[in-house]
mmCIF file of all heavy atoms, coordinates in Angstrom:
data_MODEL
# 
_entry.id   MODEL 
# 
loop_
_atom_site.group_PDB 
_atom_site.id 
_atom_site.type_symbol 
_atom_site.label_atom_id 
_atom_site.label_alt_id 
_atom_site.label_comp_id 
_atom_site.label_asym_id 
_atom_site.label_entity_id 
_atom_site.label_seq_id 
_atom_site.pdbx_PDB_ins_code 
_atom_site.Cartn_x 
_atom_site.Cartn_y 
_atom_site.Cartn_z 
_atom_site.occupancy 
_atom_site.B_iso_or_equiv 
_atom_site.pdbx_formal_charge 
_atom_site.auth_seq_id 
_atom_site.auth_comp_id 
_atom_site.auth_asym_id 
_atom_site.auth_atom_id 
_atom_site.pdbx_PDB_model_num 
ATOM 1   N N   . ALA A 1 1  ? -33.467 14.028 -24.234 1.00 0.00 ? 1  ALA A N   1 
ATOM 2   C CA  . ALA A 1 1  ? -32.169 14.254 -23.561 1.00 0.00 ? 1  ALA A CA  1 
ATOM 3   C C   . ALA A 1 1  ? -31.414 15.462 -24.091 1.00 0.00 ? 1  ALA A C   1 
ATOM 4   O O   . ALA A 1 1  ? -30.550 15.958 -23.431 1.00 0.00 ? 1  ALA A O   1 
ATOM 5   C CB  . ALA A 1 1  ? -31.273 13.008 -23.737 1.00 0.00 ? 1  ALA A CB  1 
ATOM 6   N N   . ALA A 1 2  ? -31.780 15.957 -25.311 1.00 0.00 ? 2  ALA A N   1 
ATOM 7   C CA  . ALA A 1 2  ? -31.104 17.106 -25.914 1.00 0.00 ? 2  ALA A CA  1 
ATOM 8   C C   . ALA A 1 2  ? -31.409 18.342 -25.090 1.00 0.00 ? 2  ALA A C   1 
ATOM 9   O O   . ALA A 1 2  ? -32.547 18.606 -24.698 1.00 0.00 ? 2  ALA A O   1 
ATOM 10  C CB  . ALA A 1 2  ? -31.527 17.289 -27.361 1.00 0.00 ? 2  ALA A CB  1 
ATOM 11  N N   . PRO A 1 3  ? -30.433 19.180 -24.870 1.00 0.00 ? 3  PRO A N   1 
ATOM 12  C CA  . PRO A 1 3  ? -30.640 20.420 -24.095 1.00 0.00 ? 3  PRO A CA  1 
ATOM 13  C C   . PRO A 1 3  ? -31.464 21.419 -24.892 1.00 0.00 ? 3  PRO A C   1 
ATOM 14  O O   . PRO A 1 3  ? -31.339 21.505 -26.100 1.00 0.00 ? 3  PRO A O   1 
ATOM 15  C CB  . PRO A 1 3  ? -29.206 20.933 -23.850 1.00 0.00 ? 3  PRO A CB  1 
ATOM 16  C CG  . PRO A 1 3  ? -28.409 20.360 -24.937 1.00 0.00 ? 3  PRO A CG  1 
ATOM 17  C CD  . PRO A 1 3  ? -29.003 19.026 -25.265 1.00 0.00 ? 3  PRO A CD  1 
ATOM 18  N N   . GLU A 1 4  ? -32.313 22.174 -24.201 1.00 0.00 ? 4  GLU A N   1 
ATOM 19  C CA  . GLU A 1 4  ? -33.092 23.195 -24.847 1.00 0.00 ? 4  GLU A CA  1 
ATOM 20  C C   . GLU A 1 4  ? -32.240 24.410 -25.175 1.00 0.00 ? 4  GLU A C   1 
ATOM 21  O O   . GLU A 1 4  ? -31.307 24.732 -24.402 1.00 0.00 ? 4  GLU A O   1 
ATOM 22  C CB  . GLU A 1 4  ? -34.243 23.600 -23.941 1.00 0.00 ? 4  GLU A CB  1 
ATOM 23  C CG  . GLU A 1 4  ? -35.254 22.488 -23.671 1.00 0.00 ? 4  GLU A CG  1 
ATOM 24  C CD  . GLU A 1 4  ? -36.402 22.940 -22.802 1.00 0.00 ? 4  GLU A CD  1 
ATOM 25  O OE1 . GLU A 1 4  ? -36.401 24.143 -22.388 1.00 0.00 ? 4  GLU A OE1 1 
ATOM 26  O OE2 . GLU A 1 4  ? -37.279 22.166 -22.540 1.00 0.00 ? 4  GLU A OE2 1 
ATOM 27  N N   . ASN A 1 5  ? -32.562 25.055 -26.283 1.00 0.00 ? 5  ASN A N   1 
ATOM 28  C CA  . ASN A 1 5  ? -31.800 26.235 -26.701 1.00 0.00 ? 5  ASN A CA  1 
ATOM 29  C C   . ASN A 1 5  ? -32.289 27.464 -25.922 1.00 0.00 ? 5  ASN A C   1 
ATOM 30  O O   . ASN A 1 5  ? -33.461 27.910 -26.101 1.00 0.00 ? 5  ASN A O   1 
ATOM 31  C CB  . ASN A 1 5  ? -31.996 26.463 -28.208 1.00 0.00 ? 5  ASN A CB  1 
ATOM 32  C CG  . ASN A 1 5  ? -31.175 27.655 -28.697 1.00 0.00 ? 5  ASN A CG  1 
ATOM 33  O OD1 . ASN A 1 5  ? -30.312 28.187 -28.008 1.00 0.00 ? 5  ASN A OD1 1 
ATOM 34  N ND2 . ASN A 1 5  ? -31.478 28.123 -29.879 1.00 0.00 ? 5  ASN A ND2 1 
ATOM 35  N N   . SER A 1 6  ? -31.494 27.929 -25.085 1.00 0.00 ? 6  SER A N   1 
ATOM 36  C CA  . SER A 1 6  ? -31.868 29.093 -24.238 1.00 0.00 ? 6  SER A CA  1 
ATOM 37  C C   . SER A 1 6  ? -31.162 30.351 -24.661 1.00 0.00 ? 6  SER A C   1 
ATOM 38  O O   . SER A 1 6  ? -31.046 31.326 -23.877 1.00 0.00 ? 6  SER A O   1 
ATOM 39  C CB  . SER A 1 6  ? -31.578 28.812 -22.740 1.00 0.00 ? 6  SER A CB  1 
ATOM 40  O OG  . SER A 1 6  ? -30.190 28.514 -22.600 1.00 0.00 ? 6  SER A OG  1 
ATOM 41  N N   . PHE A 1 7  ? -30.649 30.372 -25.847 1.00 0.00 ? 7  PHE A N   1 
ATOM 42  C CA  . PHE A 1 7  ? -29.859 31.523 -26.314 1.00 0.00 ? 7  PHE A CA  1 
ATOM 43  C C   . PHE A 1 7  ? -30.482 32.143 -27.599 1.00 0.00 ? 7  PHE A C   1 
ATOM 44  O O   . PHE A 1 7  ? -29.749 32.689 -28.387 1.00 0.00 ? 7  PHE A O   1 
ATOM 45  C CB  . PHE A 1 7  ? -28.414 31.138 -26.589 1.00 0.00 ? 7  PHE A CB  1 
ATOM 46  C CG  . PHE A 1 7  ? -27.724 30.514 -25.371 1.00 0.00 ? 7  PHE A CG  1 
ATOM 47  C CD1 . PHE A 1 7  ? -27.390 29.188 -25.367 1.00 0.00 ? 7  PHE A CD1 1 
ATOM 48  C CD2 . PHE A 1 7  ? -27.474 31.305 -24.264 1.00 0.00 ? 7  PHE A CD2 1 
ATOM 49  C CE1 . PHE A 1 7  ? -26.761 28.628 -24.270 1.00 0.00 ? 7  PHE A CE1 1 
ATOM 50  C CE2 . PHE A 1 7  ? -26.890 30.705 -23.121 1.00 0.00 ? 7  PHE A CE2 1 
ATOM 51  C CZ  . PHE A 1 7  ? -26.521 29.394 -23.130 1.00 0.00 ? 7  PHE A CZ  1 
ATOM 52  N N   . GLY A 1 8  ? -31.779 32.022 -27.770 1.00 0.00 ? 8  GLY A N   1 
ATOM 53  C CA  . GLY A 1 8  ? -32.413 32.581 -28.947 1.00 0.00 ? 8  GLY A CA  1 
ATOM 54  C C   . GLY A 1 8  ? -32.687 34.085 -28.777 1.00 0.00 ? 8  GLY A C   1 
ATOM 55  O O   . GLY A 1 8  ? -32.336 34.707 -27.745 1.00 0.00 ? 8  GLY A O   1 
ATOM 56  N N   . PHE A 1 9  ? -33.348 34.660 -29.806 1.00 0.00 ? 9  PHE A N   1 
ATOM 57  C CA  . PHE A 1 9  ? -33.591 36.112 -29.766 1.00 0.00 ? 9  PHE A CA  1 
ATOM 58  C C   . PHE A 1 9  ? -34.540 36.479 -28.598 1.00 0.00 ? 9  PHE A C   1 
ATOM 59  O O   . PHE A 1 9  ? -34.244 37.389 -27.840 1.00 0.00 ? 9  PHE A O   1 
ATOM 60  C CB  . PHE A 1 9  ? -34.189 36.525 -31.095 1.00 0.00 ? 9  PHE A CB  1 
ATOM 61  C CG  . PHE A 1 9  ? -34.662 37.963 -31.123 1.00 0.00 ? 9  PHE A CG  1 
ATOM 62  C CD1 . PHE A 1 9  ? -33.765 38.981 -31.226 1.00 0.00 ? 9  PHE A CD1 1 
ATOM 63  C CD2 . PHE A 1 9  ? -36.010 38.295 -31.038 1.00 0.00 ? 9  PHE A CD2 1 
ATOM 64  C CE1 . PHE A 1 9  ? -34.169 40.313 -31.246 1.00 0.00 ? 9  PHE A CE1 1 
ATOM 65  C CE2 . PHE A 1 9  ? -36.436 39.591 -31.052 1.00 0.00 ? 9  PHE A CE2 1 
ATOM 66  C CZ  . PHE A 1 9  ? -35.495 40.580 -31.144 1.00 0.00 ? 9  PHE A CZ  1 
ATOM 67  N N   . LEU A 1 10 ? -35.639 35.745 -28.506 1.00 0.00 ? 10 LEU A N   1 
ATOM 68  C CA  . LEU A 1 10 ? -36.613 36.079 -27.446 1.00 0.00 ? 10 LEU A CA  1 
ATOM 69  C C   . LEU A 1 10 ? -35.994 35.877 -26.055 1.00 0.00 ? 10 LEU A C   1 
ATOM 70  O O   . LEU A 1 10 ? -36.252 36.645 -25.130 1.00 0.00 ? 10 LEU A O   1 
ATOM 71  C CB  . LEU A 1 10 ? -37.858 35.225 -27.602 1.00 0.00 ? 10 LEU A CB  1 
ATOM 72  C CG  . LEU A 1 10 ? -38.697 35.493 -28.887 1.00 0.00 ? 10 LEU A CG  1 
ATOM 73  C CD1 . LEU A 1 10 ? -39.895 34.552 -28.937 1.00 0.00 ? 10 LEU A CD1 1 
ATOM 74  C CD2 . LEU A 1 10 ? -39.156 36.960 -28.875 1.00 0.00 ? 10 LEU A CD2 1 
ATOM 75  N N   . GLU A 1 11 ? -35.194 34.796 -25.912 1.00 0.00 ? 11 GLU A N   1 
ATOM 76  C CA  . GLU A 1 11 ? -34.579 34.548 -24.605 1.00 0.00 ? 11 GLU A CA  1 
ATOM 77  C C   . GLU A 1 11 ? -33.619 35.681 -24.250 1.00 0.00 ? 11 GLU A C   1 
ATOM 78  O O   . GLU A 1 11 ? -33.566 36.136 -23.103 1.00 0.00 ? 11 GLU A O   1 
ATOM 79  C CB  . GLU A 1 11 ? -33.844 33.230 -24.641 1.00 0.00 ? 11 GLU A CB  1 
ATOM 80  C CG  . GLU A 1 11 ? -34.705 31.971 -24.672 1.00 0.00 ? 11 GLU A CG  1 
ATOM 81  C CD  . GLU A 1 11 ? -35.372 31.719 -25.980 1.00 0.00 ? 11 GLU A CD  1 
ATOM 82  O OE1 . GLU A 1 11 ? -34.985 32.413 -26.987 1.00 0.00 ? 11 GLU A OE1 1 
ATOM 83  O OE2 . GLU A 1 11 ? -36.250 30.867 -26.116 1.00 0.00 ? 11 GLU A OE2 1 
ATOM 84  N N   . ALA A 1 12 ? -32.838 36.122 -25.285 1.00 0.00 ? 12 ALA A N   1 
ATOM 85  C CA  . ALA A 1 12 ? -31.911 37.231 -25.009 1.00 0.00 ? 12 ALA A CA  1 
ATOM 86  C C   . ALA A 1 12 ? -32.635 38.497 -24.655 1.00 0.00 ? 12 ALA A C   1 
ATOM 87  O O   . ALA A 1 12 ? -32.217 39.245 -23.732 1.00 0.00 ? 12 ALA A O   1 
ATOM 88  C CB  . ALA A 1 12 ? -30.995 37.472 -26.238 1.00 0.00 ? 12 ALA A CB  1 
ATOM 89  N N   . MET A 1 13 ? -33.764 38.764 -25.305 1.00 0.00 ? 13 MET A N   1 
ATOM 90  C CA  . MET A 1 13 ? -34.529 39.973 -24.989 1.00 0.00 ? 13 MET A CA  1 
ATOM 91  C C   . MET A 1 13 ? -35.174 39.888 -23.616 1.00 0.00 ? 13 MET A C   1 
ATOM 92  O O   . MET A 1 13 ? -35.264 40.828 -22.853 1.00 0.00 ? 13 MET A O   1 
ATOM 93  C CB  . MET A 1 13 ? -35.629 40.215 -26.036 1.00 0.00 ? 13 MET A CB  1 
ATOM 94  C CG  . MET A 1 13 ? -35.062 40.510 -27.428 1.00 0.00 ? 13 MET A CG  1 
ATOM 95  S SD  . MET A 1 13 ? -33.978 41.947 -27.491 1.00 0.00 ? 13 MET A SD  1 
ATOM 96  C CE  . MET A 1 13 ? -35.121 43.215 -26.943 1.00 0.00 ? 13 MET A CE  1 
ATOM 97  N N   . GLU A 1 14 ? -35.610 38.691 -23.232 1.00 0.00 ? 14 GLU A N   1 
ATOM 98  C CA  . GLU A 1 14 ? -36.222 38.490 -21.920 1.00 0.00 ? 14 GLU A CA  1 
ATOM 99  C C   . GLU A 1 14 ? -35.156 38.717 -20.839 1.00 0.00 ? 14 GLU A C   1 
ATOM 100 O O   . GLU A 1 14 ? -35.471 39.254 -19.761 1.00 0.00 ? 14 GLU A O   1 
ATOM 101 C CB  . GLU A 1 14 ? -36.834 37.096 -21.808 1.00 0.00 ? 14 GLU A CB  1 
ATOM 102 C CG  . GLU A 1 14 ? -38.115 36.945 -22.654 1.00 0.00 ? 14 GLU A CG  1 
ATOM 103 C CD  . GLU A 1 14 ? -38.641 35.518 -22.579 1.00 0.00 ? 14 GLU A CD  1 
ATOM 104 O OE1 . GLU A 1 14 ? -37.988 34.671 -21.962 1.00 0.00 ? 14 GLU A OE1 1 
ATOM 105 O OE2 . GLU A 1 14 ? -39.663 35.272 -23.211 1.00 0.00 ? 14 GLU A OE2 1 
ATOM 106 N N   . GLN A 1 15 ? -33.949 38.247 -21.097 1.00 0.00 ? 15 GLN A N   1 
ATOM 107 C CA  . GLN A 1 15 ? -32.896 38.480 -20.102 1.00 0.00 ? 15 GLN A CA  1 
ATOM 108 C C   . GLN A 1 15 ? -32.552 39.968 -19.990 1.00 0.00 ? 15 GLN A C   1 
ATOM 109 O O   . GLN A 1 15 ? -32.184 40.465 -18.940 1.00 0.00 ? 15 GLN A O   1 
ATOM 110 C CB  . GLN A 1 15 ? -31.644 37.664 -20.510 1.00 0.00 ? 15 GLN A CB  1 
ATOM 111 C CG  . GLN A 1 15 ? -31.806 36.195 -20.383 1.00 0.00 ? 15 GLN A CG  1 
ATOM 112 C CD  . GLN A 1 15 ? -30.543 35.445 -20.745 1.00 0.00 ? 15 GLN A CD  1 
ATOM 113 O OE1 . GLN A 1 15 ? -29.476 36.026 -20.826 1.00 0.00 ? 15 GLN A OE1 1 
ATOM 114 N NE2 . GLN A 1 15 ? -30.652 34.123 -20.934 1.00 0.00 ? 15 GLN A NE2 1 
ATOM 115 N N   . GLY A 1 16 ? -32.682 40.681 -21.110 1.00 0.00 ? 16 GLY A N   1 
ATOM 116 C CA  . GLY A 1 16 ? -32.412 42.108 -21.085 1.00 0.00 ? 16 GLY A CA  1 
ATOM 117 C C   . GLY A 1 16 ? -33.408 42.906 -20.326 1.00 0.00 ? 16 GLY A C   1 
ATOM 118 O O   . GLY A 1 16 ? -33.117 44.021 -19.826 1.00 0.00 ? 16 GLY A O   1 
ATOM 119 N N   . GLY A 1 17 ? -34.648 42.409 -20.218 1.00 0.00 ? 17 GLY A N   1 
ATOM 120 C CA  . GLY A 1 17 ? -35.682 43.037 -19.422 1.00 0.00 ? 17 GLY A CA  1 
ATOM 121 C C   . GLY A 1 17 ? -36.283 44.294 -20.105 1.00 0.00 ? 17 GLY A C   1 
ATOM 122 O O   . GLY A 1 17 ? -36.282 44.426 -21.354 1.00 0.00 ? 17 GLY A O   1 
ATOM 123 N N   . PHE A 1 18 ? -36.717 45.209 -19.285 1.00 0.00 ? 18 PHE A N   1 
ATOM 124 C CA  . PHE A 1 18 ? -37.424 46.402 -19.800 1.00 0.00 ? 18 PHE A CA  1 
ATOM 125 C C   . PHE A 1 18 ? -36.582 47.217 -20.681 1.00 0.00 ? 18 PHE A C   1 
ATOM 126 O O   . PHE A 1 18 ? -37.038 47.767 -21.723 1.00 0.00 ? 18 PHE A O   1 
ATOM 127 C CB  . PHE A 1 18 ? -37.949 47.184 -18.601 1.00 0.00 ? 18 PHE A CB  1 
ATOM 128 C CG  . PHE A 1 18 ? -38.517 48.537 -19.003 1.00 0.00 ? 18 PHE A CG  1 
ATOM 129 C CD1 . PHE A 1 18 ? -39.800 48.656 -19.560 1.00 0.00 ? 18 PHE A CD1 1 
ATOM 130 C CD2 . PHE A 1 18 ? -37.822 49.728 -18.832 1.00 0.00 ? 18 PHE A CD2 1 
ATOM 131 C CE1 . PHE A 1 18 ? -40.346 49.846 -19.946 1.00 0.00 ? 18 PHE A CE1 1 
ATOM 132 C CE2 . PHE A 1 18 ? -38.330 50.962 -19.225 1.00 0.00 ? 18 PHE A CE2 1 
ATOM 133 C CZ  . PHE A 1 18 ? -39.610 51.006 -19.806 1.00 0.00 ? 18 PHE A CZ  1 
ATOM 134 N N   . VAL A 1 19 ? -35.307 47.425 -20.342 1.00 0.00 ? 19 VAL A N   1 
ATOM 135 C CA  . VAL A 1 19 ? -34.433 48.282 -21.100 1.00 0.00 ? 19 VAL A CA  1 
ATOM 136 C C   . VAL A 1 19 ? -34.258 47.771 -22.544 1.00 0.00 ? 19 VAL A C   1 
ATOM 137 O O   . VAL A 1 19 ? -34.332 48.508 -23.506 1.00 0.00 ? 19 VAL A O   1 
ATOM 138 C CB  . VAL A 1 19 ? -33.064 48.426 -20.385 1.00 0.00 ? 19 VAL A CB  1 
ATOM 139 C CG1 . VAL A 1 19 ? -32.120 49.261 -21.274 1.00 0.00 ? 19 VAL A CG1 1 
ATOM 140 C CG2 . VAL A 1 19 ? -33.249 49.092 -19.039 1.00 0.00 ? 19 VAL A CG2 1 
ATOM 141 N N   . ALA A 1 20 ? -34.027 46.423 -22.672 1.00 0.00 ? 20 ALA A N   1 
ATOM 142 C CA  . ALA A 1 20 ? -33.871 45.830 -23.988 1.00 0.00 ? 20 ALA A CA  1 
ATOM 143 C C   . ALA A 1 20 ? -35.118 45.995 -24.822 1.00 0.00 ? 20 ALA A C   1 
ATOM 144 O O   . ALA A 1 20 ? -35.037 46.331 -26.013 1.00 0.00 ? 20 ALA A O   1 
ATOM 145 C CB  . ALA A 1 20 ? -33.470 44.370 -23.837 1.00 0.00 ? 20 ALA A CB  1 
ATOM 146 N N   . TRP A 1 21 ? -36.279 45.719 -24.262 1.00 0.00 ? 21 TRP A N   1 
ATOM 147 C CA  . TRP A 1 21 ? -37.522 45.816 -25.003 1.00 0.00 ? 21 TRP A CA  1 
ATOM 148 C C   . TRP A 1 21 ? -37.800 47.289 -25.373 1.00 0.00 ? 21 TRP A C   1 
ATOM 149 O O   . TRP A 1 21 ? -38.338 47.588 -26.447 1.00 0.00 ? 21 TRP A O   1 
ATOM 150 C CB  . TRP A 1 21 ? -38.692 45.269 -24.226 1.00 0.00 ? 21 TRP A CB  1 
ATOM 151 C CG  . TRP A 1 21 ? -38.689 43.766 -24.153 1.00 0.00 ? 21 TRP A CG  1 
ATOM 152 C CD1 . TRP A 1 21 ? -38.396 42.984 -23.097 1.00 0.00 ? 21 TRP A CD1 1 
ATOM 153 C CD2 . TRP A 1 21 ? -38.982 42.866 -25.245 1.00 0.00 ? 21 TRP A CD2 1 
ATOM 154 N NE1 . TRP A 1 21 ? -38.494 41.640 -23.447 1.00 0.00 ? 21 TRP A NE1 1 
ATOM 155 C CE2 . TRP A 1 21 ? -38.884 41.541 -24.737 1.00 0.00 ? 21 TRP A CE2 1 
ATOM 156 C CE3 . TRP A 1 21 ? -39.336 43.075 -26.572 1.00 0.00 ? 21 TRP A CE3 1 
ATOM 157 C CZ2 . TRP A 1 21 ? -39.084 40.436 -25.535 1.00 0.00 ? 21 TRP A CZ2 1 
ATOM 158 C CZ3 . TRP A 1 21 ? -39.545 41.941 -27.365 1.00 0.00 ? 21 TRP A CZ3 1 
ATOM 159 C CH2 . TRP A 1 21 ? -39.432 40.658 -26.870 1.00 0.00 ? 21 TRP A CH2 1 
ATOM 160 N N   . PHE A 1 22 ? -37.463 48.201 -24.468 1.00 0.00 ? 22 PHE A N   1 
ATOM 161 C CA  . PHE A 1 22 ? -37.686 49.634 -24.769 1.00 0.00 ? 22 PHE A CA  1 
ATOM 162 C C   . PHE A 1 22 ? -36.823 50.104 -25.908 1.00 0.00 ? 22 PHE A C   1 
ATOM 163 O O   . PHE A 1 22 ? -37.283 50.786 -26.836 1.00 0.00 ? 22 PHE A O   1 
ATOM 164 C CB  . PHE A 1 22 ? -37.378 50.473 -23.520 1.00 0.00 ? 22 PHE A CB  1 
ATOM 165 C CG  . PHE A 1 22 ? -37.522 51.957 -23.736 1.00 0.00 ? 22 PHE A CG  1 
ATOM 166 C CD1 . PHE A 1 22 ? -38.751 52.545 -23.794 1.00 0.00 ? 22 PHE A CD1 1 
ATOM 167 C CD2 . PHE A 1 22 ? -36.367 52.733 -23.916 1.00 0.00 ? 22 PHE A CD2 1 
ATOM 168 C CE1 . PHE A 1 22 ? -38.883 53.891 -23.983 1.00 0.00 ? 22 PHE A CE1 1 
ATOM 169 C CE2 . PHE A 1 22 ? -36.490 54.102 -24.117 1.00 0.00 ? 22 PHE A CE2 1 
ATOM 170 C CZ  . PHE A 1 22 ? -37.738 54.686 -24.193 1.00 0.00 ? 22 PHE A CZ  1 
ATOM 171 N N   . ILE A 1 23 ? -35.551 49.708 -25.914 1.00 0.00 ? 23 ILE A N   1 
ATOM 172 C CA  . ILE A 1 23 ? -34.666 50.104 -27.032 1.00 0.00 ? 23 ILE A CA  1 
ATOM 173 C C   . ILE A 1 23 ? -35.137 49.469 -28.353 1.00 0.00 ? 23 ILE A C   1 
ATOM 174 O O   . ILE A 1 23 ? -35.137 50.101 -29.415 1.00 0.00 ? 23 ILE A O   1 
ATOM 175 C CB  . ILE A 1 23 ? -33.213 49.672 -26.719 1.00 0.00 ? 23 ILE A CB  1 
ATOM 176 C CG1 . ILE A 1 23 ? -32.689 50.477 -25.496 1.00 0.00 ? 23 ILE A CG1 1 
ATOM 177 C CG2 . ILE A 1 23 ? -32.295 49.888 -27.917 1.00 0.00 ? 23 ILE A CG2 1 
ATOM 178 C CD1 . ILE A 1 23 ? -31.298 50.099 -25.022 1.00 0.00 ? 23 ILE A CD1 1 
ATOM 179 N N   . LEU A 1 24 ? -35.547 48.170 -28.280 1.00 0.00 ? 24 LEU A N   1 
ATOM 180 C CA  . LEU A 1 24 ? -36.060 47.557 -29.490 1.00 0.00 ? 24 LEU A CA  1 
ATOM 181 C C   . LEU A 1 24 ? -37.298 48.287 -29.981 1.00 0.00 ? 24 LEU A C   1 
ATOM 182 O O   . LEU A 1 24 ? -37.453 48.459 -31.223 1.00 0.00 ? 24 LEU A O   1 
ATOM 183 C CB  . LEU A 1 24 ? -36.385 46.098 -29.170 1.00 0.00 ? 24 LEU A CB  1 
ATOM 184 C CG  . LEU A 1 24 ? -36.959 45.270 -30.327 1.00 0.00 ? 24 LEU A CG  1 
ATOM 185 C CD1 . LEU A 1 24 ? -36.002 45.198 -31.486 1.00 0.00 ? 24 LEU A CD1 1 
ATOM 186 C CD2 . LEU A 1 24 ? -37.375 43.903 -29.868 1.00 0.00 ? 24 LEU A CD2 1 
ATOM 187 N N   . GLY A 1 25 ? -38.200 48.672 -29.093 1.00 0.00 ? 25 GLY A N   1 
ATOM 188 C CA  . GLY A 1 25 ? -39.410 49.405 -29.492 1.00 0.00 ? 25 GLY A CA  1 
ATOM 189 C C   . GLY A 1 25 ? -39.056 50.732 -30.188 1.00 0.00 ? 25 GLY A C   1 
ATOM 190 O O   . GLY A 1 25 ? -39.708 51.145 -31.134 1.00 0.00 ? 25 GLY A O   1 
ATOM 191 N N   . VAL A 1 26 ? -38.064 51.443 -29.586 1.00 0.00 ? 26 VAL A N   1 
ATOM 192 C CA  . VAL A 1 26 ? -37.664 52.712 -30.215 1.00 0.00 ? 26 VAL A CA  1 
ATOM 193 C C   . VAL A 1 26 ? -37.156 52.533 -31.650 1.00 0.00 ? 26 VAL A C   1 
ATOM 194 O O   . VAL A 1 26 ? -37.490 53.265 -32.569 1.00 0.00 ? 26 VAL A O   1 
ATOM 195 C CB  . VAL A 1 26 ? -36.597 53.408 -29.315 1.00 0.00 ? 26 VAL A CB  1 
ATOM 196 C CG1 . VAL A 1 26 ? -35.946 54.595 -30.037 1.00 0.00 ? 26 VAL A CG1 1 
ATOM 197 C CG2 . VAL A 1 26 ? -37.213 53.861 -28.014 1.00 0.00 ? 26 VAL A CG2 1 
ATOM 198 N N   . MET A 1 27 ? -36.381 51.484 -31.838 1.00 0.00 ? 27 MET A N   1 
ATOM 199 C CA  . MET A 1 27 ? -35.806 51.237 -33.163 1.00 0.00 ? 27 MET A CA  1 
ATOM 200 C C   . MET A 1 27 ? -36.885 50.753 -34.162 1.00 0.00 ? 27 MET A C   1 
ATOM 201 O O   . MET A 1 27 ? -36.839 51.036 -35.348 1.00 0.00 ? 27 MET A O   1 
ATOM 202 C CB  . MET A 1 27 ? -34.696 50.246 -33.112 1.00 0.00 ? 27 MET A CB  1 
ATOM 203 C CG  . MET A 1 27 ? -33.408 50.886 -32.475 1.00 0.00 ? 27 MET A CG  1 
ATOM 204 S SD  . MET A 1 27 ? -31.905 49.889 -32.628 1.00 0.00 ? 27 MET A SD  1 
ATOM 205 C CE  . MET A 1 27 ? -32.307 48.543 -31.505 1.00 0.00 ? 27 MET A CE  1 
# 
């Protein structure tokens, strides 16, 4: 019954899409 955590690091990056992953890759 507990809600799943959808606000983790990977979830945030997936929501950011290509731009977020590209910036992360550059850094």
